[in-house]
Amino acid sequence: GHNLYTPSDIRLAPSQIPRGERPYAAWGYIGFHRELHASDGRYWRYGLDIGCVGPCAYGRQLQTWVHEHVTHSPLPNGWASQIRNEFGAVARFEYARRLWHEPLAPLGTSVFGMPLATDLRPHVNIGLGNLQTYAGAGITGRLGWFRTSYDSLRLDTHTLESLAGATPARYAQAPGGE
């Protein structure tokens, strides 16, 4: 990922940027994440983003190139005052649960085997690190042709859900079990 942060008026020289404005900064990172999807619509995502903030993230070069060649916008003038280089690491966690799902078959035909549907999913997320620390909560509403879960991956074939649903009685009924 790559995030760019600038003051509200990028045409100002560094000495003209008002006190209290966001400084110029770029955060370039790579993330390693694991996602788990349960058949009942629960979803977990956790992982680690590592990278750098400052000139090492090449924010000046990226924003200048985009403004020159893509958007033809005014060029940013304050990157000379960007924050210094610093290593960054952020541990992230997200949890979502399907609160409501309703197929709307009478309103639409299936696309690739998926009927028109709608759902609501509340979610929470947190991030802890030296560059970002946050917590959030919200709700996502969807309308379209999609699977009932976020993905086709299922925990019901995964060890975690198998263990969570297992009881001693199930083990006693296993073939060859005593």
N, C-alpha and C. Protein backbone atom coordinates (compact mmCIF):
# COMPACT_ATOMS: atom_id res chain seq x y z
N GLY A 1 0.83 -1.18 0.00
CA GLY A 1 0.00 0.00 0.00
C GLY A 1 0.86 1.24 0.00
N HIS A 2 0.24 2.32 -0.36
CA HIS A 2 0.94 3.60 -0.37
C HIS A 2 -0.05 4.69 -0.02
N ASN A 3 0.21 5.44 1.03
CA ASN A 3 -0.65 6.54 1.45
C ASN A 3 0.13 7.84 1.33
N LEU A 4 -0.54 8.89 0.86
CA LEU A 4 0.06 10.22 0.78
C LEU A 4 -0.72 11.16 1.68
N TYR A 5 -0.02 12.04 2.37
CA TYR A 5 -0.64 13.03 3.26
C TYR A 5 -0.06 14.39 2.91
N THR A 6 -0.94 15.38 2.68
CA THR A 6 -0.50 16.73 2.34
C THR A 6 -1.37 17.75 3.05
N PRO A 7 -0.90 19.00 3.15
CA PRO A 7 -1.77 20.07 3.65
C PRO A 7 -2.93 20.29 2.68
N SER A 8 -3.90 21.08 3.08
CA SER A 8 -5.08 21.29 2.23
C SER A 8 -4.75 22.07 0.95
N ASP A 9 -3.73 22.92 0.96
CA ASP A 9 -3.35 23.67 -0.24
C ASP A 9 -1.93 23.29 -0.64
N ILE A 10 -1.81 22.44 -1.63
CA ILE A 10 -0.48 21.93 -2.03
C ILE A 10 0.32 22.95 -2.83
N ARG A 11 -0.31 24.07 -3.22
CA ARG A 11 0.41 25.09 -3.99
C ARG A 11 1.30 25.96 -3.12
N LEU A 12 1.09 25.92 -1.81
CA LEU A 12 1.87 26.77 -0.90
C LEU A 12 3.29 26.24 -0.74
N ALA A 13 4.23 27.16 -0.62
CA ALA A 13 5.61 26.79 -0.31
C ALA A 13 5.67 26.35 1.15
N PRO A 14 6.67 25.56 1.54
CA PRO A 14 6.75 25.09 2.93
C PRO A 14 6.64 26.21 3.97
N SER A 15 7.23 27.36 3.71
CA SER A 15 7.19 28.47 4.69
C SER A 15 5.80 29.10 4.79
N GLN A 16 4.92 28.86 3.82
CA GLN A 16 3.59 29.45 3.81
C GLN A 16 2.52 28.53 4.38
N ILE A 17 2.86 27.31 4.68
CA ILE A 17 1.87 26.35 5.18
C ILE A 17 1.45 26.78 6.59
N PRO A 18 0.15 27.00 6.82
CA PRO A 18 -0.31 27.46 8.14
C PRO A 18 -0.01 26.45 9.24
N ARG A 19 0.24 26.97 10.40
CA ARG A 19 0.48 26.13 11.58
C ARG A 19 -0.76 25.27 11.83
N GLY A 20 -0.54 24.02 12.18
CA GLY A 20 -1.66 23.11 12.46
C GLY A 20 -2.11 22.31 11.25
N GLU A 21 -1.59 22.62 10.06
CA GLU A 21 -1.93 21.83 8.87
C GLU A 21 -1.17 20.50 8.91
N ARG A 22 -1.68 19.52 8.22
CA ARG A 22 -1.03 18.22 8.11
C ARG A 22 0.30 18.40 7.36
N PRO A 23 1.36 17.76 7.83
CA PRO A 23 2.64 17.86 7.11
C PRO A 23 2.64 16.93 5.88
N TYR A 24 3.56 17.19 4.97
CA TYR A 24 3.74 16.28 3.84
C TYR A 24 4.35 14.99 4.36
N ALA A 25 3.79 13.88 3.94
CA ALA A 25 4.30 12.57 4.36
C ALA A 25 3.79 11.50 3.41
N ALA A 26 4.54 10.44 3.30
CA ALA A 26 4.12 9.26 2.54
C ALA A 26 4.41 8.03 3.40
N TRP A 27 3.55 7.06 3.32
CA TRP A 27 3.69 5.80 4.07
C TRP A 27 3.59 4.69 3.03
N GLY A 28 4.72 4.05 2.74
CA GLY A 28 4.76 2.93 1.82
C GLY A 28 4.95 1.65 2.62
N TYR A 29 4.14 0.64 2.35
CA TYR A 29 4.18 -0.55 3.20
C TYR A 29 3.75 -1.79 2.43
N ILE A 30 4.04 -2.92 3.02
CA ILE A 30 3.57 -4.21 2.53
C ILE A 30 2.87 -4.88 3.71
N GLY A 31 1.78 -5.54 3.43
CA GLY A 31 1.01 -6.17 4.49
C GLY A 31 0.97 -7.67 4.35
N PHE A 32 1.00 -8.34 5.47
CA PHE A 32 0.85 -9.79 5.55
C PHE A 32 -0.38 -10.03 6.41
N HIS A 33 -1.43 -10.60 5.80
CA HIS A 33 -2.71 -10.74 6.50
C HIS A 33 -3.28 -12.13 6.31
N ARG A 34 -4.07 -12.52 7.27
CA ARG A 34 -4.79 -13.81 7.23
C ARG A 34 -6.27 -13.49 7.36
N GLU A 35 -7.08 -14.09 6.50
CA GLU A 35 -8.52 -13.92 6.57
C GLU A 35 -9.16 -15.27 6.84
N LEU A 36 -10.14 -15.27 7.72
CA LEU A 36 -10.90 -16.47 8.04
C LEU A 36 -12.38 -16.16 7.83
N HIS A 37 -13.07 -17.01 7.10
CA HIS A 37 -14.48 -16.83 6.79
C HIS A 37 -15.26 -18.03 7.32
N ALA A 38 -16.27 -17.78 8.10
CA ALA A 38 -17.12 -18.85 8.63
C ALA A 38 -18.36 -18.99 7.77
N SER A 39 -18.94 -20.18 7.75
CA SER A 39 -20.12 -20.44 6.92
C SER A 39 -21.33 -19.66 7.40
N ASP A 40 -21.33 -19.18 8.64
CA ASP A 40 -22.47 -18.40 9.15
C ASP A 40 -22.29 -16.89 8.92
N GLY A 41 -21.26 -16.49 8.15
CA GLY A 41 -21.09 -15.09 7.81
C GLY A 41 -20.10 -14.33 8.66
N ARG A 42 -19.49 -14.97 9.65
CA ARG A 42 -18.47 -14.29 10.46
C ARG A 42 -17.18 -14.20 9.66
N TYR A 43 -16.42 -13.14 9.94
CA TYR A 43 -15.19 -12.89 9.19
C TYR A 43 -14.16 -12.28 10.13
N TRP A 44 -12.94 -12.82 10.09
CA TRP A 44 -11.83 -12.28 10.86
C TRP A 44 -10.69 -11.97 9.91
N ARG A 45 -9.98 -10.89 10.16
CA ARG A 45 -8.78 -10.57 9.39
C ARG A 45 -7.77 -9.99 10.36
N TYR A 46 -6.58 -10.55 10.34
CA TYR A 46 -5.53 -10.02 11.20
C TYR A 46 -4.22 -10.06 10.43
N GLY A 47 -3.31 -9.18 10.82
CA GLY A 47 -2.04 -9.16 10.11
C GLY A 47 -1.15 -8.03 10.55
N LEU A 48 -0.10 -7.83 9.76
CA LEU A 48 0.93 -6.86 10.07
C LEU A 48 1.32 -6.11 8.81
N ASP A 49 1.34 -4.78 8.89
CA ASP A 49 1.85 -3.93 7.81
C ASP A 49 3.22 -3.43 8.25
N ILE A 50 4.23 -3.53 7.37
CA ILE A 50 5.55 -3.00 7.67
C ILE A 50 6.02 -2.16 6.49
N GLY A 51 6.75 -1.10 6.78
CA GLY A 51 7.25 -0.23 5.72
C GLY A 51 7.96 0.97 6.29
N CYS A 52 7.90 2.07 5.55
CA CYS A 52 8.57 3.29 6.01
C CYS A 52 7.71 4.51 5.69
N VAL A 53 7.94 5.54 6.47
CA VAL A 53 7.32 6.84 6.27
C VAL A 53 8.45 7.83 6.03
N GLY A 54 8.22 8.81 5.16
CA GLY A 54 9.25 9.80 4.85
C GLY A 54 9.69 9.68 3.40
N PRO A 55 10.84 10.30 3.05
CA PRO A 55 11.33 10.25 1.67
C PRO A 55 11.53 8.82 1.15
N CYS A 56 11.79 7.86 2.03
CA CYS A 56 11.97 6.46 1.61
C CYS A 56 10.73 5.88 0.95
N ALA A 57 9.55 6.51 1.16
CA ALA A 57 8.30 6.04 0.57
C ALA A 57 8.01 6.66 -0.79
N TYR A 58 8.85 7.57 -1.27
CA TYR A 58 8.75 8.17 -2.60
C TYR A 58 7.41 8.87 -2.87
N GLY A 59 6.86 9.53 -1.85
CA GLY A 59 5.61 10.27 -2.02
C GLY A 59 5.73 11.45 -2.97
N ARG A 60 6.84 12.20 -2.87
CA ARG A 60 7.05 13.36 -3.74
C ARG A 60 7.03 12.91 -5.20
N GLN A 61 7.76 11.86 -5.53
CA GLN A 61 7.85 11.40 -6.91
C GLN A 61 6.50 10.91 -7.42
N LEU A 62 5.79 10.16 -6.60
CA LEU A 62 4.51 9.61 -7.02
C LEU A 62 3.47 10.71 -7.24
N GLN A 63 3.32 11.61 -6.27
CA GLN A 63 2.31 12.66 -6.40
C GLN A 63 2.64 13.60 -7.57
N THR A 64 3.90 13.95 -7.72
CA THR A 64 4.29 14.83 -8.82
C THR A 64 4.00 14.17 -10.17
N TRP A 65 4.33 12.90 -10.32
CA TRP A 65 4.08 12.19 -11.57
C TRP A 65 2.59 12.13 -11.88
N VAL A 66 1.77 11.79 -10.88
CA VAL A 66 0.32 11.70 -11.10
C VAL A 66 -0.23 13.07 -11.50
N HIS A 67 0.19 14.14 -10.83
CA HIS A 67 -0.31 15.47 -11.15
C HIS A 67 0.14 15.92 -12.54
N GLU A 68 1.34 15.57 -12.94
CA GLU A 68 1.85 15.96 -14.26
C GLU A 68 1.22 15.16 -15.39
N HIS A 69 1.12 13.83 -15.22
CA HIS A 69 0.77 12.95 -16.33
C HIS A 69 -0.65 12.40 -16.33
N VAL A 70 -1.33 12.43 -15.19
CA VAL A 70 -2.66 11.83 -15.13
C VAL A 70 -3.74 12.89 -14.92
N THR A 71 -3.64 13.65 -13.83
CA THR A 71 -4.71 14.60 -13.50
C THR A 71 -4.47 16.01 -14.01
N HIS A 72 -3.23 16.32 -14.42
CA HIS A 72 -2.87 17.66 -14.88
C HIS A 72 -3.27 18.71 -13.85
N SER A 73 -3.03 18.39 -12.58
CA SER A 73 -3.35 19.26 -11.45
C SER A 73 -2.14 20.11 -11.10
N PRO A 74 -2.34 21.12 -10.23
CA PRO A 74 -1.18 21.91 -9.78
C PRO A 74 -0.17 20.99 -9.09
N LEU A 75 1.10 21.28 -9.28
CA LEU A 75 2.15 20.46 -8.67
C LEU A 75 2.31 20.80 -7.20
N PRO A 76 2.59 19.80 -6.36
CA PRO A 76 2.78 20.05 -4.94
C PRO A 76 4.11 20.78 -4.71
N ASN A 77 4.10 21.76 -3.81
CA ASN A 77 5.30 22.58 -3.57
C ASN A 77 5.95 22.35 -2.22
N GLY A 78 5.42 21.49 -1.37
CA GLY A 78 5.94 21.40 -0.02
C GLY A 78 6.67 20.13 0.35
N TRP A 79 6.94 19.25 -0.61
CA TRP A 79 7.57 17.98 -0.27
C TRP A 79 8.96 18.15 0.33
N ALA A 80 9.61 19.29 0.11
CA ALA A 80 10.94 19.51 0.70
C ALA A 80 10.86 19.55 2.23
N SER A 81 9.65 19.77 2.76
CA SER A 81 9.48 19.85 4.21
C SER A 81 8.84 18.59 4.80
N GLN A 82 8.83 17.50 4.04
CA GLN A 82 8.17 16.29 4.53
C GLN A 82 8.86 15.74 5.78
N ILE A 83 8.13 14.90 6.51
CA ILE A 83 8.68 14.34 7.75
C ILE A 83 9.84 13.40 7.42
N ARG A 84 10.68 13.14 8.40
CA ARG A 84 11.90 12.35 8.21
C ARG A 84 11.57 10.86 8.04
N ASN A 85 12.54 10.11 7.55
CA ASN A 85 12.40 8.66 7.38
C ASN A 85 12.21 7.98 8.73
N GLU A 86 11.32 7.02 8.76
CA GLU A 86 11.10 6.22 9.96
C GLU A 86 10.51 4.87 9.56
N PHE A 87 11.02 3.80 10.15
CA PHE A 87 10.45 2.47 9.96
C PHE A 87 9.08 2.44 10.62
N GLY A 88 8.13 1.72 10.04
CA GLY A 88 6.80 1.62 10.61
C GLY A 88 6.29 0.20 10.63
N ALA A 89 5.53 -0.11 11.66
CA ALA A 89 4.86 -1.41 11.78
C ALA A 89 3.50 -1.18 12.44
N VAL A 90 2.48 -1.80 11.88
CA VAL A 90 1.13 -1.68 12.42
C VAL A 90 0.48 -3.06 12.42
N ALA A 91 0.08 -3.55 13.60
CA ALA A 91 -0.68 -4.80 13.71
C ALA A 91 -2.15 -4.44 13.56
N ARG A 92 -2.87 -5.19 12.72
CA ARG A 92 -4.28 -4.89 12.44
C ARG A 92 -5.17 -6.10 12.74
N PHE A 93 -6.40 -5.81 13.17
CA PHE A 93 -7.39 -6.85 13.41
C PHE A 93 -8.74 -6.30 12.97
N GLU A 94 -9.54 -7.14 12.32
CA GLU A 94 -10.89 -6.77 11.90
C GLU A 94 -11.83 -7.95 12.12
N TYR A 95 -13.04 -7.66 12.57
CA TYR A 95 -14.06 -8.69 12.74
C TYR A 95 -15.37 -8.15 12.18
N ALA A 96 -16.06 -8.98 11.42
CA ALA A 96 -17.38 -8.61 10.88
C ALA A 96 -18.29 -9.82 11.02
N ARG A 97 -19.58 -9.55 11.12
CA ARG A 97 -20.57 -10.62 11.26
C ARG A 97 -21.78 -10.26 10.43
N ARG A 98 -22.29 -11.23 9.68
CA ARG A 98 -23.51 -10.97 8.90
C ARG A 98 -24.68 -10.86 9.87
N LEU A 99 -25.29 -9.71 9.90
CA LEU A 99 -26.43 -9.45 10.77
C LEU A 99 -27.73 -9.86 10.08
N TRP A 100 -27.77 -9.62 8.74
CA TRP A 100 -28.99 -9.86 8.01
C TRP A 100 -28.63 -10.14 6.56
N HIS A 101 -29.25 -11.15 5.96
CA HIS A 101 -29.06 -11.48 4.54
C HIS A 101 -30.41 -11.86 3.96
N GLU A 102 -30.74 -11.28 2.81
CA GLU A 102 -32.02 -11.57 2.18
C GLU A 102 -31.87 -11.70 0.68
N PRO A 103 -32.09 -12.89 0.13
CA PRO A 103 -32.10 -13.03 -1.33
C PRO A 103 -33.31 -12.27 -1.91
N LEU A 104 -33.14 -11.62 -3.02
CA LEU A 104 -34.21 -10.87 -3.66
C LEU A 104 -34.52 -11.49 -5.02
N ALA A 105 -34.69 -12.81 -5.05
CA ALA A 105 -34.88 -13.56 -6.29
C ALA A 105 -35.98 -13.00 -7.19
N PRO A 106 -37.13 -12.56 -6.66
CA PRO A 106 -38.16 -12.04 -7.56
C PRO A 106 -37.72 -10.77 -8.31
N LEU A 107 -36.72 -10.05 -7.80
CA LEU A 107 -36.29 -8.80 -8.42
C LEU A 107 -35.16 -8.97 -9.42
N GLY A 108 -34.54 -10.13 -9.47
CA GLY A 108 -33.42 -10.30 -10.39
C GLY A 108 -33.07 -11.75 -10.58
N THR A 109 -32.53 -12.04 -11.73
CA THR A 109 -32.10 -13.40 -12.00
C THR A 109 -30.68 -13.58 -11.50
N SER A 110 -30.25 -14.82 -11.45
CA SER A 110 -28.92 -15.06 -10.93
C SER A 110 -27.86 -14.70 -11.96
N VAL A 111 -26.73 -14.26 -11.46
CA VAL A 111 -25.56 -13.95 -12.27
C VAL A 111 -24.45 -14.85 -11.77
N PHE A 112 -23.91 -15.68 -12.67
CA PHE A 112 -22.89 -16.66 -12.28
C PHE A 112 -23.35 -17.52 -11.10
N GLY A 113 -24.64 -17.85 -11.07
CA GLY A 113 -25.16 -18.72 -10.04
C GLY A 113 -25.48 -18.03 -8.73
N MET A 114 -25.38 -16.71 -8.68
CA MET A 114 -25.66 -15.97 -7.45
C MET A 114 -26.89 -15.10 -7.66
N PRO A 115 -27.92 -15.22 -6.80
CA PRO A 115 -29.12 -14.40 -6.96
C PRO A 115 -28.88 -12.98 -6.44
N LEU A 116 -29.71 -12.06 -6.89
CA LEU A 116 -29.69 -10.71 -6.35
C LEU A 116 -30.01 -10.81 -4.86
N ALA A 117 -29.22 -10.12 -4.04
CA ALA A 117 -29.41 -10.21 -2.59
C ALA A 117 -28.97 -8.92 -1.92
N THR A 118 -29.29 -8.81 -0.66
CA THR A 118 -28.86 -7.68 0.16
C THR A 118 -28.42 -8.22 1.52
N ASP A 119 -27.50 -7.53 2.16
CA ASP A 119 -27.11 -7.92 3.51
C ASP A 119 -26.57 -6.73 4.29
N LEU A 120 -26.52 -6.89 5.60
CA LEU A 120 -25.95 -5.90 6.52
C LEU A 120 -24.91 -6.60 7.38
N ARG A 121 -23.76 -5.94 7.56
CA ARG A 121 -22.67 -6.51 8.34
C ARG A 121 -22.07 -5.45 9.25
N PRO A 122 -22.27 -5.56 10.57
CA PRO A 122 -21.53 -4.67 11.47
C PRO A 122 -20.08 -5.15 11.54
N HIS A 123 -19.15 -4.23 11.78
CA HIS A 123 -17.75 -4.60 11.86
C HIS A 123 -17.00 -3.71 12.85
N VAL A 124 -15.92 -4.24 13.38
CA VAL A 124 -15.01 -3.49 14.25
C VAL A 124 -13.60 -3.73 13.75
N ASN A 125 -12.72 -2.75 13.97
CA ASN A 125 -11.32 -2.93 13.59
C ASN A 125 -10.42 -2.13 14.52
N ILE A 126 -9.20 -2.61 14.68
CA ILE A 126 -8.20 -1.90 15.48
C ILE A 126 -6.85 -2.01 14.79
N GLY A 127 -6.02 -1.04 15.04
CA GLY A 127 -4.65 -1.06 14.55
C GLY A 127 -3.75 -0.50 15.64
N LEU A 128 -2.65 -1.18 15.90
CA LEU A 128 -1.70 -0.75 16.93
C LEU A 128 -0.31 -0.73 16.33
N GLY A 129 0.35 0.42 16.39
CA GLY A 129 1.69 0.51 15.84
C GLY A 129 2.34 1.83 16.15
N ASN A 130 3.56 2.00 15.64
CA ASN A 130 4.26 3.25 15.91
C ASN A 130 3.84 4.37 14.96
N LEU A 131 3.17 4.06 13.85
CA LEU A 131 2.71 5.09 12.92
C LEU A 131 1.21 5.30 12.96
N GLN A 132 0.47 4.30 13.29
CA GLN A 132 -0.99 4.39 13.37
C GLN A 132 -1.47 3.60 14.58
N THR A 133 -2.37 4.20 15.32
CA THR A 133 -3.10 3.50 16.37
C THR A 133 -4.54 3.98 16.25
N TYR A 134 -5.47 3.06 16.08
CA TYR A 134 -6.85 3.45 15.84
C TYR A 134 -7.79 2.34 16.27
N ALA A 135 -9.05 2.69 16.38
CA ALA A 135 -10.13 1.73 16.59
C ALA A 135 -11.32 2.27 15.81
N GLY A 136 -12.11 1.38 15.27
CA GLY A 136 -13.26 1.81 14.50
C GLY A 136 -14.38 0.80 14.56
N ALA A 137 -15.56 1.26 14.23
CA ALA A 137 -16.74 0.40 14.16
C ALA A 137 -17.66 0.98 13.09
N GLY A 138 -18.43 0.13 12.48
CA GLY A 138 -19.36 0.60 11.47
C GLY A 138 -20.26 -0.51 11.00
N ILE A 139 -20.98 -0.23 9.94
CA ILE A 139 -21.86 -1.22 9.35
C ILE A 139 -21.77 -1.07 7.84
N THR A 140 -21.73 -2.19 7.14
CA THR A 140 -21.67 -2.21 5.69
C THR A 140 -22.96 -2.81 5.16
N GLY A 141 -23.58 -2.13 4.21
CA GLY A 141 -24.76 -2.65 3.55
C GLY A 141 -24.41 -2.95 2.10
N ARG A 142 -24.86 -4.09 1.60
CA ARG A 142 -24.58 -4.46 0.21
C ARG A 142 -25.88 -4.82 -0.51
N LEU A 143 -25.92 -4.54 -1.80
CA LEU A 143 -27.01 -4.95 -2.68
C LEU A 143 -26.35 -5.37 -3.98
N GLY A 144 -26.59 -6.60 -4.41
CA GLY A 144 -25.99 -7.06 -5.65
C GLY A 144 -26.00 -8.55 -5.76
N TRP A 145 -25.17 -9.06 -6.67
CA TRP A 145 -25.05 -10.50 -6.89
C TRP A 145 -23.75 -10.94 -6.24
N PHE A 146 -23.83 -11.57 -5.09
CA PHE A 146 -22.65 -11.97 -4.35
C PHE A 146 -22.94 -13.21 -3.54
N ARG A 147 -21.88 -13.85 -3.12
CA ARG A 147 -22.03 -15.00 -2.23
C ARG A 147 -22.51 -14.50 -0.87
N THR A 148 -23.05 -15.38 -0.06
CA THR A 148 -23.56 -14.95 1.24
C THR A 148 -22.43 -14.57 2.19
N SER A 149 -21.21 -15.06 1.96
CA SER A 149 -20.09 -14.65 2.79
C SER A 149 -19.21 -13.71 1.97
N TYR A 150 -18.16 -13.18 2.59
CA TYR A 150 -17.25 -12.29 1.88
C TYR A 150 -16.54 -13.00 0.75
N ASP A 151 -16.33 -14.27 0.90
CA ASP A 151 -15.54 -15.01 -0.07
C ASP A 151 -16.05 -16.44 -0.11
N SER A 152 -15.52 -17.24 -0.99
CA SER A 152 -15.93 -18.63 -1.05
C SER A 152 -15.18 -19.49 -0.04
N LEU A 153 -14.17 -18.90 0.63
CA LEU A 153 -13.46 -19.65 1.65
C LEU A 153 -14.39 -19.92 2.82
N ARG A 154 -14.25 -21.05 3.43
CA ARG A 154 -15.13 -21.41 4.54
C ARG A 154 -14.32 -21.95 5.70
N LEU A 155 -14.71 -21.56 6.90
CA LEU A 155 -14.08 -22.11 8.08
C LEU A 155 -14.59 -23.51 8.40
N ASP A 156 -15.76 -23.88 7.86
CA ASP A 156 -16.30 -25.18 8.22
C ASP A 156 -15.42 -26.33 7.73
N THR A 157 -14.47 -26.04 6.86
CA THR A 157 -13.49 -27.06 6.48
C THR A 157 -12.13 -26.75 7.10
N HIS A 158 -12.10 -25.77 7.96
CA HIS A 158 -10.87 -25.32 8.60
C HIS A 158 -10.80 -25.88 10.02
N THR A 159 -9.63 -26.14 10.49
CA THR A 159 -9.42 -26.74 11.80
C THR A 159 -10.09 -25.94 12.92
N LEU A 160 -10.01 -24.60 12.88
CA LEU A 160 -10.58 -23.79 13.96
C LEU A 160 -12.07 -24.05 14.14
N GLU A 161 -12.84 -24.00 13.04
CA GLU A 161 -14.27 -24.21 13.19
C GLU A 161 -14.58 -25.67 13.48
N SER A 162 -13.80 -26.58 12.94
CA SER A 162 -14.00 -27.99 13.24
C SER A 162 -13.84 -28.22 14.73
N LEU A 163 -12.82 -27.61 15.32
CA LEU A 163 -12.61 -27.75 16.76
C LEU A 163 -13.70 -27.05 17.56
N ALA A 164 -14.12 -25.86 17.08
CA ALA A 164 -15.14 -25.11 17.81
C ALA A 164 -16.47 -25.86 17.83
N GLY A 165 -16.77 -26.61 16.75
CA GLY A 165 -18.03 -27.34 16.70
C GLY A 165 -17.94 -28.75 17.23
N ALA A 166 -16.75 -29.18 17.58
CA ALA A 166 -16.57 -30.57 18.03
C ALA A 166 -16.97 -30.72 19.49
N THR A 167 -17.58 -31.83 19.80
CA THR A 167 -17.92 -32.16 21.18
C THR A 167 -17.39 -33.56 21.46
N PRO A 168 -17.22 -33.91 22.73
CA PRO A 168 -16.78 -35.27 23.04
C PRO A 168 -17.70 -36.32 22.43
N ALA A 169 -19.01 -36.05 22.35
CA ALA A 169 -19.94 -37.02 21.77
C ALA A 169 -19.61 -37.27 20.30
N ARG A 170 -19.23 -36.24 19.58
CA ARG A 170 -18.86 -36.42 18.17
C ARG A 170 -17.64 -37.32 18.04
N TYR A 171 -16.66 -37.13 18.93
CA TYR A 171 -15.49 -37.96 18.88
C TYR A 171 -15.84 -39.42 19.19
N ALA A 172 -16.76 -39.60 20.11
CA ALA A 172 -17.14 -40.96 20.49
C ALA A 172 -17.83 -41.68 19.34
N GLN A 173 -18.49 -40.91 18.43
CA GLN A 173 -19.19 -41.52 17.31
C GLN A 173 -18.30 -41.71 16.08
N ALA A 174 -17.09 -41.25 16.15
CA ALA A 174 -16.19 -41.36 14.99
C ALA A 174 -15.92 -42.82 14.69
N PRO A 175 -15.87 -43.19 13.40
CA PRO A 175 -15.57 -44.57 13.02
C PRO A 175 -14.23 -45.01 13.60
N GLY A 176 -14.20 -46.16 14.17
CA GLY A 176 -12.96 -46.69 14.74
C GLY A 176 -12.63 -46.10 16.10
N GLY A 177 -13.46 -45.17 16.60
CA GLY A 177 -13.18 -44.54 17.91
C GLY A 177 -13.67 -45.39 19.05
N GLU A 178 -13.10 -45.21 20.18
CA GLU A 178 -13.53 -45.97 21.35
C GLU A 178 -14.06 -45.06 22.40
